[in-house]
Amino acid sequence: KRLAASSQKFAEAGKVAAELKSLAARFEADKEAQERLLGQAEAARSAQAHDGRREAELHAELRTEQRELDATRYRLLREHEAAMQAALPAAEGAQASLL
């Protein structure tokens, strides 16, 4: 009986040892996966920060170009207005001669 009980306890101890070994391996695998995911998250944060900076640069560039376009448009409108003002006396003279 003692031998049977001892054999049973030995078998149970073997099962517990195998389970502990399996849990330790799973723990290490999970730990490695966590480290890998943390690295990926840090890379994603870094890329996001870079993208944010690039977006801000593009917005600044867009605002600069929009100001330049607005200034050019204003200048052209003023030139067009001056040309119209210059042509107005001739047009009024032509209209008067028709009447």
PDB file of N, CA and C in Angstrom:
ATOM      1  N   LYS A   1       0.817  -1.193   0.000  1.00  0.00           N
ATOM      2  CA  LYS A   1       0.000   0.000   0.000  1.00  0.00           C
ATOM      3  C   LYS A   1       0.853   1.245   0.000  1.00  0.00           C
ATOM      4  N   ARG A   2       1.883   1.237   0.807  1.00  0.00           N
ATOM      5  CA  ARG A   2       2.754   2.416   0.867  1.00  0.00           C
ATOM      6  C   ARG A   2       3.414   2.657  -0.480  1.00  0.00           C
ATOM      7  N   LEU A   3       3.786   1.609  -1.118  1.00  0.00           N
ATOM      8  CA  LEU A   3       4.438   1.723  -2.414  1.00  0.00           C
ATOM      9  C   LEU A   3       3.455   2.283  -3.447  1.00  0.00           C
ATOM     10  N   ALA A   4       2.227   1.835  -3.412  1.00  0.00           N
ATOM     11  CA  ALA A   4       1.212   2.327  -4.335  1.00  0.00           C
ATOM     12  C   ALA A   4       0.931   3.799  -4.067  1.00  0.00           C
ATOM     13  N   ALA A   5       0.825   4.190  -2.800  1.00  0.00           N
ATOM     14  CA  ALA A   5       0.574   5.587  -2.432  1.00  0.00           C
ATOM     15  C   ALA A   5       1.764   6.444  -2.835  1.00  0.00           C
ATOM     16  N   SER A   6       2.962   5.922  -2.616  1.00  0.00           N
ATOM     17  CA  SER A   6       4.167   6.650  -2.987  1.00  0.00           C
ATOM     18  C   SER A   6       4.247   6.810  -4.496  1.00  0.00           C
ATOM     19  N   SER A   7       3.902   5.792  -5.238  1.00  0.00           N
ATOM     20  CA  SER A   7       3.908   5.855  -6.694  1.00  0.00           C
ATOM     21  C   SER A   7       2.867   6.853  -7.197  1.00  0.00           C
ATOM     22  N   GLN A   8       1.731   6.868  -6.544  1.00  0.00           N
ATOM     23  CA  GLN A   8       0.681   7.802  -6.933  1.00  0.00           C
ATOM     24  C   GLN A   8       1.127   9.238  -6.665  1.00  0.00           C
ATOM     25  N   LYS A   9       1.735   9.485  -5.517  1.00  0.00           N
ATOM     26  CA  LYS A   9       2.220  10.818  -5.183  1.00  0.00           C
ATOM     27  C   LYS A   9       3.340  11.227  -6.133  1.00  0.00           C
ATOM     28  N   PHE A  10       4.173  10.281  -6.515  1.00  0.00           N
ATOM     29  CA  PHE A  10       5.254  10.573  -7.457  1.00  0.00           C
ATOM     30  C   PHE A  10       4.676  10.960  -8.823  1.00  0.00           C
ATOM     31  N   ALA A  11       3.636  10.224  -9.237  1.00  0.00           N
ATOM     32  CA  ALA A  11       2.991  10.522 -10.519  1.00  0.00           C
ATOM     33  C   ALA A  11       2.327  11.895 -10.467  1.00  0.00           C
ATOM     34  N   GLU A  12       1.670  12.214  -9.357  1.00  0.00           N
ATOM     35  CA  GLU A  12       1.040  13.529  -9.199  1.00  0.00           C
ATOM     36  C   GLU A  12       2.097  14.631  -9.190  1.00  0.00           C
ATOM     37  N   ALA A  13       3.213  14.375  -8.535  1.00  0.00           N
ATOM     38  CA  ALA A  13       4.292  15.360  -8.504  1.00  0.00           C
ATOM     39  C   ALA A  13       4.835  15.586  -9.913  1.00  0.00           C
ATOM     40  N   GLY A  14       4.917  14.523 -10.697  1.00  0.00           N
ATOM     41  CA  GLY A  14       5.361  14.647 -12.089  1.00  0.00           C
ATOM     42  C   GLY A  14       4.384  15.493 -12.901  1.00  0.00           C
ATOM     43  N   LYS A  15       3.087  15.294 -12.686  1.00  0.00           N
ATOM     44  CA  LYS A  15       2.080  16.082 -13.377  1.00  0.00           C
ATOM     45  C   LYS A  15       2.183  17.558 -12.984  1.00  0.00           C
ATOM     46  N   VAL A  16       2.356  17.803 -11.692  1.00  0.00           N
ATOM     47  CA  VAL A  16       2.481  19.184 -11.203  1.00  0.00           C
ATOM     48  C   VAL A  16       3.741  19.829 -11.780  1.00  0.00           C
ATOM     49  N   ALA A  17       4.836  19.085 -11.817  1.00  0.00           N
ATOM     50  CA  ALA A  17       6.081  19.613 -12.371  1.00  0.00           C
ATOM     51  C   ALA A  17       5.926  19.929 -13.854  1.00  0.00           C
ATOM     52  N   ALA A  18       5.249  19.052 -14.591  1.00  0.00           N
ATOM     53  CA  ALA A  18       5.025  19.280 -16.020  1.00  0.00           C
ATOM     54  C   ALA A  18       4.127  20.498 -16.227  1.00  0.00           C
ATOM     55  N   GLU A  19       3.111  20.629 -15.374  1.00  0.00           N
ATOM     56  CA  GLU A  19       2.222  21.785 -15.479  1.00  0.00           C
ATOM     57  C   GLU A  19       2.970  23.080 -15.154  1.00  0.00           C
ATOM     58  N   LEU A  20       3.808  23.048 -14.145  1.00  0.00           N
ATOM     59  CA  LEU A  20       4.614  24.224 -13.806  1.00  0.00           C
ATOM     60  C   LEU A  20       5.552  24.592 -14.945  1.00  0.00           C
ATOM     61  N   LYS A  21       6.152  23.575 -15.562  1.00  0.00           N
ATOM     62  CA  LYS A  21       7.046  23.822 -16.686  1.00  0.00           C
ATOM     63  C   LYS A  21       6.273  24.439 -17.842  1.00  0.00           C
ATOM     64  N   SER A  22       5.078  23.927 -18.099  1.00  0.00           N
ATOM     65  CA  SER A  22       4.231  24.464 -19.165  1.00  0.00           C
ATOM     66  C   SER A  22       3.828  25.907 -18.862  1.00  0.00           C
ATOM     67  N   LEU A  23       3.454  26.178 -17.618  1.00  0.00           N
ATOM     68  CA  LEU A  23       3.077  27.537 -17.231  1.00  0.00           C
ATOM     69  C   LEU A  23       4.260  28.492 -17.333  1.00  0.00           C
ATOM     70  N   ALA A  24       5.434  28.046 -16.964  1.00  0.00           N
ATOM     71  CA  ALA A  24       6.627  28.884 -17.059  1.00  0.00           C
ATOM     72  C   ALA A  24       6.941  29.216 -18.517  1.00  0.00           C
ATOM     73  N   ALA A  25       6.785  28.229 -19.384  1.00  0.00           N
ATOM     74  CA  ALA A  25       7.024  28.460 -20.819  1.00  0.00           C
ATOM     75  C   ALA A  25       5.990  29.430 -21.375  1.00  0.00           C
ATOM     76  N   ARG A  26       4.746  29.245 -20.992  1.00  0.00           N
ATOM     77  CA  ARG A  26       3.688  30.151 -21.459  1.00  0.00           C
ATOM     78  C   ARG A  26       3.926  31.563 -20.926  1.00  0.00           C
ATOM     79  N   PHE A  27       4.375  31.667 -19.672  1.00  0.00           N
ATOM     80  CA  PHE A  27       4.684  32.971 -19.081  1.00  0.00           C
ATOM     81  C   PHE A  27       5.788  33.673 -19.872  1.00  0.00           C
ATOM     82  N   GLU A  28       6.833  32.945 -20.205  1.00  0.00           N
ATOM     83  CA  GLU A  28       7.940  33.534 -20.984  1.00  0.00           C
ATOM     84  C   GLU A  28       7.466  33.962 -22.370  1.00  0.00           C
ATOM     85  N   ALA A  29       6.640  33.129 -22.995  1.00  0.00           N
ATOM     86  CA  ALA A  29       6.119  33.473 -24.321  1.00  0.00           C
ATOM     87  C   ALA A  29       5.250  34.723 -24.235  1.00  0.00           C
ATOM     88  N   ASP A  30       4.409  34.807 -23.212  1.00  0.00           N
ATOM     89  CA  ASP A  30       3.558  35.986 -23.027  1.00  0.00           C
ATOM     90  C   ASP A  30       4.405  37.227 -22.747  1.00  0.00           C
ATOM     91  N   LYS A  31       5.456  37.050 -21.972  1.00  0.00           N
ATOM     92  CA  LYS A  31       6.347  38.160 -21.651  1.00  0.00           C
ATOM     93  C   LYS A  31       7.032  38.677 -22.922  1.00  0.00           C
ATOM     94  N   GLU A  32       7.481  37.764 -23.761  1.00  0.00           N
ATOM     95  CA  GLU A  32       8.100  38.154 -25.031  1.00  0.00           C
ATOM     96  C   GLU A  32       7.099  38.848 -25.946  1.00  0.00           C
ATOM     97  N   ALA A  33       5.877  38.334 -25.977  1.00  0.00           N
ATOM     98  CA  ALA A  33       4.826  38.958 -26.805  1.00  0.00           C
ATOM     99  C   ALA A  33       4.516  40.358 -26.291  1.00  0.00           C
ATOM    100  N   GLN A  34       4.475  40.511 -24.982  1.00  0.00           N
ATOM    101  CA  GLN A  34       4.215  41.826 -24.397  1.00  0.00           C
ATOM    102  C   GLN A  34       5.323  42.814 -24.763  1.00  0.00           C
ATOM    103  N   GLU A  35       6.576  42.376 -24.677  1.00  0.00           N
ATOM    104  CA  GLU A  35       7.702  43.237 -25.041  1.00  0.00           C
ATOM    105  C   GLU A  35       7.643  43.615 -26.523  1.00  0.00           C
ATOM    106  N   ARG A  36       7.289  42.656 -27.361  1.00  0.00           N
ATOM    107  CA  ARG A  36       7.161  42.928 -28.795  1.00  0.00           C
ATOM    108  C   ARG A  36       6.045  43.942 -29.052  1.00  0.00           C
ATOM    109  N   LEU A  37       4.901  43.754 -28.378  1.00  0.00           N
ATOM    110  CA  LEU A  37       3.778  44.674 -28.551  1.00  0.00           C
ATOM    111  C   LEU A  37       4.110  46.064 -28.022  1.00  0.00           C
ATOM    112  N   LEU A  38       4.834  46.130 -26.925  1.00  0.00           N
ATOM    113  CA  LEU A  38       5.250  47.438 -26.402  1.00  0.00           C
ATOM    114  C   LEU A  38       6.168  48.142 -27.398  1.00  0.00           C
ATOM    115  N   GLY A  39       7.057  47.386 -28.028  1.00  0.00           N
ATOM    116  CA  GLY A  39       7.925  47.959 -29.060  1.00  0.00           C
ATOM    117  C   GLY A  39       7.121  48.467 -30.242  1.00  0.00           C
ATOM    118  N   GLN A  40       6.128  47.694 -30.658  1.00  0.00           N
ATOM    119  CA  GLN A  40       5.272  48.115 -31.774  1.00  0.00           C
ATOM    120  C   GLN A  40       4.474  49.359 -31.403  1.00  0.00           C
ATOM    121  N   ALA A  41       3.985  49.404 -30.159  1.00  0.00           N
ATOM    122  CA  ALA A  41       3.210  50.571 -29.715  1.00  0.00           C
ATOM    123  C   ALA A  41       4.096  51.814 -29.696  1.00  0.00           C
ATOM    124  N   GLU A  42       5.327  51.673 -29.235  1.00  0.00           N
ATOM    125  CA  GLU A  42       6.254  52.807 -29.211  1.00  0.00           C
ATOM    126  C   GLU A  42       6.565  53.273 -30.627  1.00  0.00           C
ATOM    127  N   ALA A  43       6.753  52.337 -31.539  1.00  0.00           N
ATOM    128  CA  ALA A  43       7.002  52.698 -32.938  1.00  0.00           C
ATOM    129  C   ALA A  43       5.788  53.426 -33.520  1.00  0.00           C
ATOM    130  N   ALA A  44       4.596  52.960 -33.187  1.00  0.00           N
ATOM    131  CA  ALA A  44       3.371  53.607 -33.680  1.00  0.00           C
ATOM    132  C   ALA A  44       3.243  55.013 -33.104  1.00  0.00           C
ATOM    133  N   ARG A  45       3.560  55.186 -31.805  1.00  0.00           N
ATOM    134  CA  ARG A  45       3.517  56.518 -31.196  1.00  0.00           C
ATOM    135  C   ARG A  45       4.509  57.451 -31.864  1.00  0.00           C
ATOM    136  N   SER A  46       5.687  56.935 -32.138  1.00  0.00           N
ATOM    137  CA  SER A  46       6.719  57.736 -32.796  1.00  0.00           C
ATOM    138  C   SER A  46       6.270  58.143 -34.194  1.00  0.00           C
ATOM    139  N   ALA A  47       5.702  57.203 -34.935  1.00  0.00           N
ATOM    140  CA  ALA A  47       5.216  57.501 -36.286  1.00  0.00           C
ATOM    141  C   ALA A  47       4.077  58.514 -36.225  1.00  0.00           C
ATOM    142  N   GLN A  48       3.218  58.381 -35.245  1.00  0.00           N
ATOM    143  CA  GLN A  48       2.101  59.307 -35.103  1.00  0.00           C
ATOM    144  C   GLN A  48       2.614  60.716 -34.785  1.00  0.00           C
ATOM    145  N   ALA A  49       3.613  60.811 -33.919  1.00  0.00           N
ATOM    146  CA  ALA A  49       4.194  62.119 -33.605  1.00  0.00           C
ATOM    147  C   ALA A  49       4.827  62.728 -34.850  1.00  0.00           C
ATOM    148  N   HIS A  50       5.525  61.910 -35.628  1.00  0.00           N
ATOM    149  CA  HIS A  50       6.140  62.391 -36.877  1.00  0.00           C
ATOM    150  C   HIS A  50       5.065  62.879 -37.837  1.00  0.00           C
ATOM    151  N   ASP A  51       3.993  62.107 -37.972  1.00  0.00           N
ATOM    152  CA  ASP A  51       2.902  62.494 -38.857  1.00  0.00           C
ATOM    153  C   ASP A  51       2.253  63.801 -38.394  1.00  0.00           C
ATOM    154  N   GLY A  52       2.127  63.963 -37.085  1.00  0.00           N
ATOM    155  CA  GLY A  52       1.557  65.198 -36.549  1.00  0.00           C
ATOM    156  C   GLY A  52       2.422  66.401 -36.877  1.00  0.00           C
ATOM    157  N   ARG A  53       3.735  66.224 -36.740  1.00  0.00           N
ATOM    158  CA  ARG A  53       4.643  67.324 -37.081  1.00  0.00           C
ATOM    159  C   ARG A  53       4.554  67.643 -38.572  1.00  0.00           C
ATOM    160  N   ARG A  54       4.518  66.618 -39.398  1.00  0.00           N
ATOM    161  CA  ARG A  54       4.439  66.823 -40.843  1.00  0.00           C
ATOM    162  C   ARG A  54       3.124  67.510 -41.215  1.00  0.00           C
ATOM    163  N   GLU A  55       2.048  67.115 -40.566  1.00  0.00           N
ATOM    164  CA  GLU A  55       0.753  67.747 -40.820  1.00  0.00           C
ATOM    165  C   GLU A  55       0.804  69.234 -40.460  1.00  0.00           C
ATOM    166  N   ALA A  56       1.418  69.573 -39.337  1.00  0.00           N
ATOM    167  CA  ALA A  56       1.543  70.975 -38.938  1.00  0.00           C
ATOM    168  C   ALA A  56       2.378  71.748 -39.951  1.00  0.00           C
ATOM    169  N   GLU A  57       3.455  71.130 -40.442  1.00  0.00           N
ATOM    170  CA  GLU A  57       4.281  71.782 -41.461  1.00  0.00           C
ATOM    171  C   GLU A  57       3.480  72.042 -42.730  1.00  0.00           C
ATOM    172  N   LEU A  58       2.697  71.050 -43.137  1.00  0.00           N
ATOM    173  CA  LEU A  58       1.886  71.201 -44.354  1.00  0.00           C
ATOM    174  C   LEU A  58       0.823  72.285 -44.189  1.00  0.00           C
ATOM    175  N   HIS A  59       0.222  72.352 -42.991  1.00  0.00           N
ATOM    176  CA  HIS A  59      -0.768  73.402 -42.746  1.00  0.00           C
ATOM    177  C   HIS A  59      -0.122  74.782 -42.814  1.00  0.00           C
ATOM    178  N   ALA A  60       1.067  74.912 -42.244  1.00  0.00           N
ATOM    179  CA  ALA A  60       1.777  76.196 -42.299  1.00  0.00           C
ATOM    180  C   ALA A  60       2.106  76.556 -43.743  1.00  0.00           C
ATOM    181  N   GLU A  61       2.555  75.574 -44.499  1.00  0.00           N
ATOM    182  CA  GLU A  61       2.869  75.806 -45.920  1.00  0.00           C
ATOM    183  C   GLU A  61       1.611  76.209 -46.691  1.00  0.00           C
ATOM    184  N   LEU A  62       0.508  75.547 -46.407  1.00  0.00           N
ATOM    185  CA  LEU A  62      -0.760  75.864 -47.063  1.00  0.00           C
ATOM    186  C   LEU A  62      -1.200  77.295 -46.731  1.00  0.00           C
ATOM    187  N   ARG A  63      -1.091  77.687 -45.464  1.00  0.00           N
ATOM    188  CA  ARG A  63      -1.462  79.045 -45.083  1.00  0.00           C
ATOM    189  C   ARG A  63      -0.595  80.075 -45.802  1.00  0.00           C
ATOM    190  N   THR A  64       0.711  79.802 -45.912  1.00  0.00           N
ATOM    191  CA  THR A  64       1.621  80.714 -46.607  1.00  0.00           C
ATOM    192  C   THR A  64       1.226  80.843 -48.072  1.00  0.00           C
ATOM    193  N   GLU A  65       0.996  79.718 -48.717  1.00  0.00           N
ATOM    194  CA  GLU A  65       0.616  79.744 -50.132  1.00  0.00           C
ATOM    195  C   GLU A  65      -0.731  80.428 -50.327  1.00  0.00           C
ATOM    196  N   GLN A  66      -1.657  80.215 -49.398  1.00  0.00           N
ATOM    197  CA  GLN A  66      -2.967  80.862 -49.505  1.00  0.00           C
ATOM    198  C   GLN A  66      -2.818  82.373 -49.380  1.00  0.00           C
ATOM    199  N   ARG A  67      -1.962  82.839 -48.461  1.00  0.00           N
ATOM    200  CA  ARG A  67      -1.717  84.281 -48.337  1.00  0.00           C
ATOM    201  C   ARG A  67      -1.121  84.837 -49.622  1.00  0.00           C
ATOM    202  N   GLU A  68      -0.174  84.120 -50.200  1.00  0.00           N
ATOM    203  CA  GLU A  68       0.439  84.560 -51.456  1.00  0.00           C
ATOM    204  C   GLU A  68      -0.599  84.624 -52.575  1.00  0.00           C
ATOM    205  N   LEU A  69      -1.443  83.609 -52.658  1.00  0.00           N
ATOM    206  CA  LEU A  69      -2.502  83.607 -53.683  1.00  0.00           C
ATOM    207  C   LEU A  69      -3.488  84.751 -53.461  1.00  0.00           C
ATOM    208  N   ASP A  70      -3.846  84.995 -52.212  1.00  0.00           N
ATOM    209  CA  ASP A  70      -4.759  86.099 -51.910  1.00  0.00           C
ATOM    210  C   ASP A  70      -4.136  87.431 -52.298  1.00  0.00           C
ATOM    211  N   ALA A  71      -2.850  87.608 -52.016  1.00  0.00           N
ATOM    212  CA  ALA A  71      -2.168  88.855 -52.381  1.00  0.00           C
ATOM    213  C   ALA A  71      -2.123  89.017 -53.898  1.00  0.00           C
ATOM    214  N   THR A  72      -1.845  87.929 -54.606  1.00  0.00           N
ATOM    215  CA  THR A  72      -1.807  87.985 -56.068  1.00  0.00           C
ATOM    216  C   THR A  72      -3.188  88.297 -56.625  1.00  0.00           C
ATOM    217  N   ARG A  73      -4.211  87.657 -56.099  1.00  0.00           N
ATOM    218  CA  ARG A  73      -5.584  87.893 -56.542  1.00  0.00           C
ATOM    219  C   ARG A  73      -5.960  89.362 -56.304  1.00  0.00           C
ATOM    220  N   TYR A  74      -5.614  89.888 -55.136  1.00  0.00           N
ATOM    221  CA  TYR A  74      -5.924  91.277 -54.811  1.00  0.00           C
ATOM    222  C   TYR A  74      -5.214  92.220 -55.800  1.00  0.00           C
ATOM    223  N   ARG A  75      -3.944  91.955 -56.071  1.00  0.00           N
ATOM    224  CA  ARG A  75      -3.176  92.784 -57.009  1.00  0.00           C
ATOM    225  C   ARG A  75      -3.816  92.745 -58.395  1.00  0.00           C
ATOM    226  N   LEU A  76      -4.183  91.563 -58.852  1.00  0.00           N
ATOM    227  CA  LEU A  76      -4.809  91.440 -60.173  1.00  0.00           C
ATOM    228  C   LEU A  76      -6.161  92.152 -60.222  1.00  0.00           C
ATOM    229  N   LEU A  77      -6.918  92.055 -59.163  1.00  0.00           N
ATOM    230  CA  LEU A  77      -8.204  92.757 -59.124  1.00  0.00           C
ATOM    231  C   LEU A  77      -7.999  94.269 -59.159  1.00  0.00           C
ATOM    232  N   ARG A  78      -6.992  94.747 -58.431  1.00  0.00           N
ATOM    233  CA  ARG A  78      -6.691  96.184 -58.448  1.00  0.00           C
ATOM    234  C   ARG A  78      -6.251  96.616 -59.852  1.00  0.00           C
ATOM    235  N   GLU A  79      -5.444  95.786 -60.528  1.00  0.00           N
ATOM    236  CA  GLU A  79      -5.023  96.105 -61.889  1.00  0.00           C
ATOM    237  C   GLU A  79      -6.222  96.129 -62.828  1.00  0.00           C
ATOM    238  N   HIS A  80      -7.116  95.164 -62.639  1.00  0.00           N
ATOM    239  CA  HIS A  80      -8.320  95.107 -63.462  1.00  0.00           C
ATOM    240  C   HIS A  80      -9.186  96.345 -63.205  1.00  0.00           C
ATOM    241  N   GLU A  81      -9.304  96.721 -61.951  1.00  0.00           N
ATOM    242  CA  GLU A  81     -10.075  97.919 -61.602  1.00  0.00           C
ATOM    243  C   GLU A  81      -9.450  99.153 -62.248  1.00  0.00           C
ATOM    244  N   ALA A  82      -8.122  99.282 -62.197  1.00  0.00           N
ATOM    245  CA  ALA A  82      -7.440 100.434 -62.796  1.00  0.00           C
ATOM    246  C   ALA A  82      -7.670 100.457 -64.310  1.00  0.00           C
ATOM    247  N   ALA A  83      -7.611  99.298 -64.951  1.00  0.00           N
ATOM    248  CA  ALA A  83      -7.845  99.235 -66.392  1.00  0.00           C
ATOM    249  C   ALA A  83      -9.271  99.642 -66.722  1.00  0.00           C
ATOM    250  N   MET A  84     -10.219  99.196 -65.910  1.00  0.00           N
ATOM    251  CA  MET A  84     -11.622  99.557 -66.121  1.00  0.00           C
ATOM    252  C   MET A  84     -11.815 101.064 -65.921  1.00  0.00           C
ATOM    253  N   GLN A  85     -11.164 101.605 -64.895  1.00  0.00           N
ATOM    254  CA  GLN A  85     -11.275 103.046 -64.654  1.00  0.00           C
ATOM    255  C   GLN A  85     -10.668 103.830 -65.817  1.00  0.00           C
ATOM    256  N   ALA A  86      -9.570 103.326 -66.364  1.00  0.00           N
ATOM    257  CA  ALA A  86      -8.931 104.004 -67.488  1.00  0.00           C
ATOM    258  C   ALA A  86      -9.805 103.930 -68.744  1.00  0.00           C
ATOM    259  N   ALA A  87     -10.506 102.837 -68.920  1.00  0.00           N
ATOM    260  CA  ALA A  87     -11.336 102.653 -70.103  1.00  0.00           C
ATOM    261  C   ALA A  87     -12.688 103.351 -69.977  1.00  0.00           C
ATOM    262  N   LEU A  88     -13.083 103.692 -68.777  1.00  0.00           N
ATOM    263  CA  LEU A  88     -14.400 104.273 -68.543  1.00  0.00           C
ATOM    264  C   LEU A  88     -14.602 105.601 -69.286  1.00  0.00           C
ATOM    265  N   PRO A  89     -13.649 106.574 -69.261  1.00  0.00           N
ATOM    266  CA  PRO A  89     -13.886 107.825 -69.998  1.00  0.00           C
ATOM    267  C   PRO A  89     -14.079 107.587 -71.496  1.00  0.00           C
ATOM    268  N   ALA A  90     -13.311 106.677 -72.071  1.00  0.00           N
ATOM    269  CA  ALA A  90     -13.456 106.394 -73.504  1.00  0.00           C
ATOM    270  C   ALA A  90     -14.819 105.773 -73.786  1.00  0.00           C
ATOM    271  N   ALA A  91     -15.268 104.917 -72.893  1.00  0.00           N
ATOM    272  CA  ALA A  91     -16.576 104.281 -73.070  1.00  0.00           C
ATOM    273  C   ALA A  91     -17.683 105.311 -72.921  1.00  0.00           C
ATOM    274  N   GLU A  92     -17.547 106.227 -71.966  1.00  0.00           N
ATOM    275  CA  GLU A  92     -18.555 107.256 -71.776  1.00  0.00           C
ATOM    276  C   GLU A  92     -18.586 108.183 -73.002  1.00  0.00           C
ATOM    277  N   GLY A  93     -17.358 108.479 -73.554  1.00  0.00           N
ATOM    278  CA  GLY A  93     -17.290 109.309 -74.753  1.00  0.00           C
ATOM    279  C   GLY A  93     -17.951 108.636 -75.937  1.00  0.00           C
ATOM    280  N   ALA A  94     -17.739 107.362 -76.068  1.00  0.00           N
ATOM    281  CA  ALA A  94     -18.347 106.611 -77.180  1.00  0.00           C
ATOM    282  C   ALA A  94     -19.859 106.557 -77.014  1.00  0.00           C
ATOM    283  N   GLN A  95     -20.295 106.390 -75.776  1.00  0.00           N
ATOM    284  CA  GLN A  95     -21.753 106.348 -75.528  1.00  0.00           C
ATOM    285  C   GLN A  95     -22.365 107.701 -75.840  1.00  0.00           C
ATOM    286  N   ALA A  96     -21.673 108.768 -75.474  1.00  0.00           N
ATOM    287  CA  ALA A  96     -22.218 110.119 -75.720  1.00  0.00           C
ATOM    288  C   ALA A  96     -22.307 110.396 -77.218  1.00  0.00           C
ATOM    289  N   SER A  97     -21.321 109.894 -77.965  1.00  0.00           N
ATOM    290  CA  SER A  97     -21.361 110.142 -79.413  1.00  0.00           C
ATOM    291  C   SER A  97     -22.475 109.360 -80.084  1.00  0.00           C
ATOM    292  N   LEU A  98     -22.891 108.276 -79.476  1.00  0.00           N
ATOM    293  CA  LEU A  98     -23.988 107.497 -80.041  1.00  0.00           C
ATOM    294  C   LEU A  98     -25.325 108.195 -79.812  1.00  0.00           C
ATOM    295  N   LEU A  99     -25.373 108.974 -78.781  1.00  0.00           N
ATOM    296  CA  LEU A  99     -26.643 109.630 -78.472  1.00  0.00           C
ATOM    297  C   LEU A  99     -26.728 110.862 -79.287  1.00  0.00           C
TER     298      LEU A  99
END
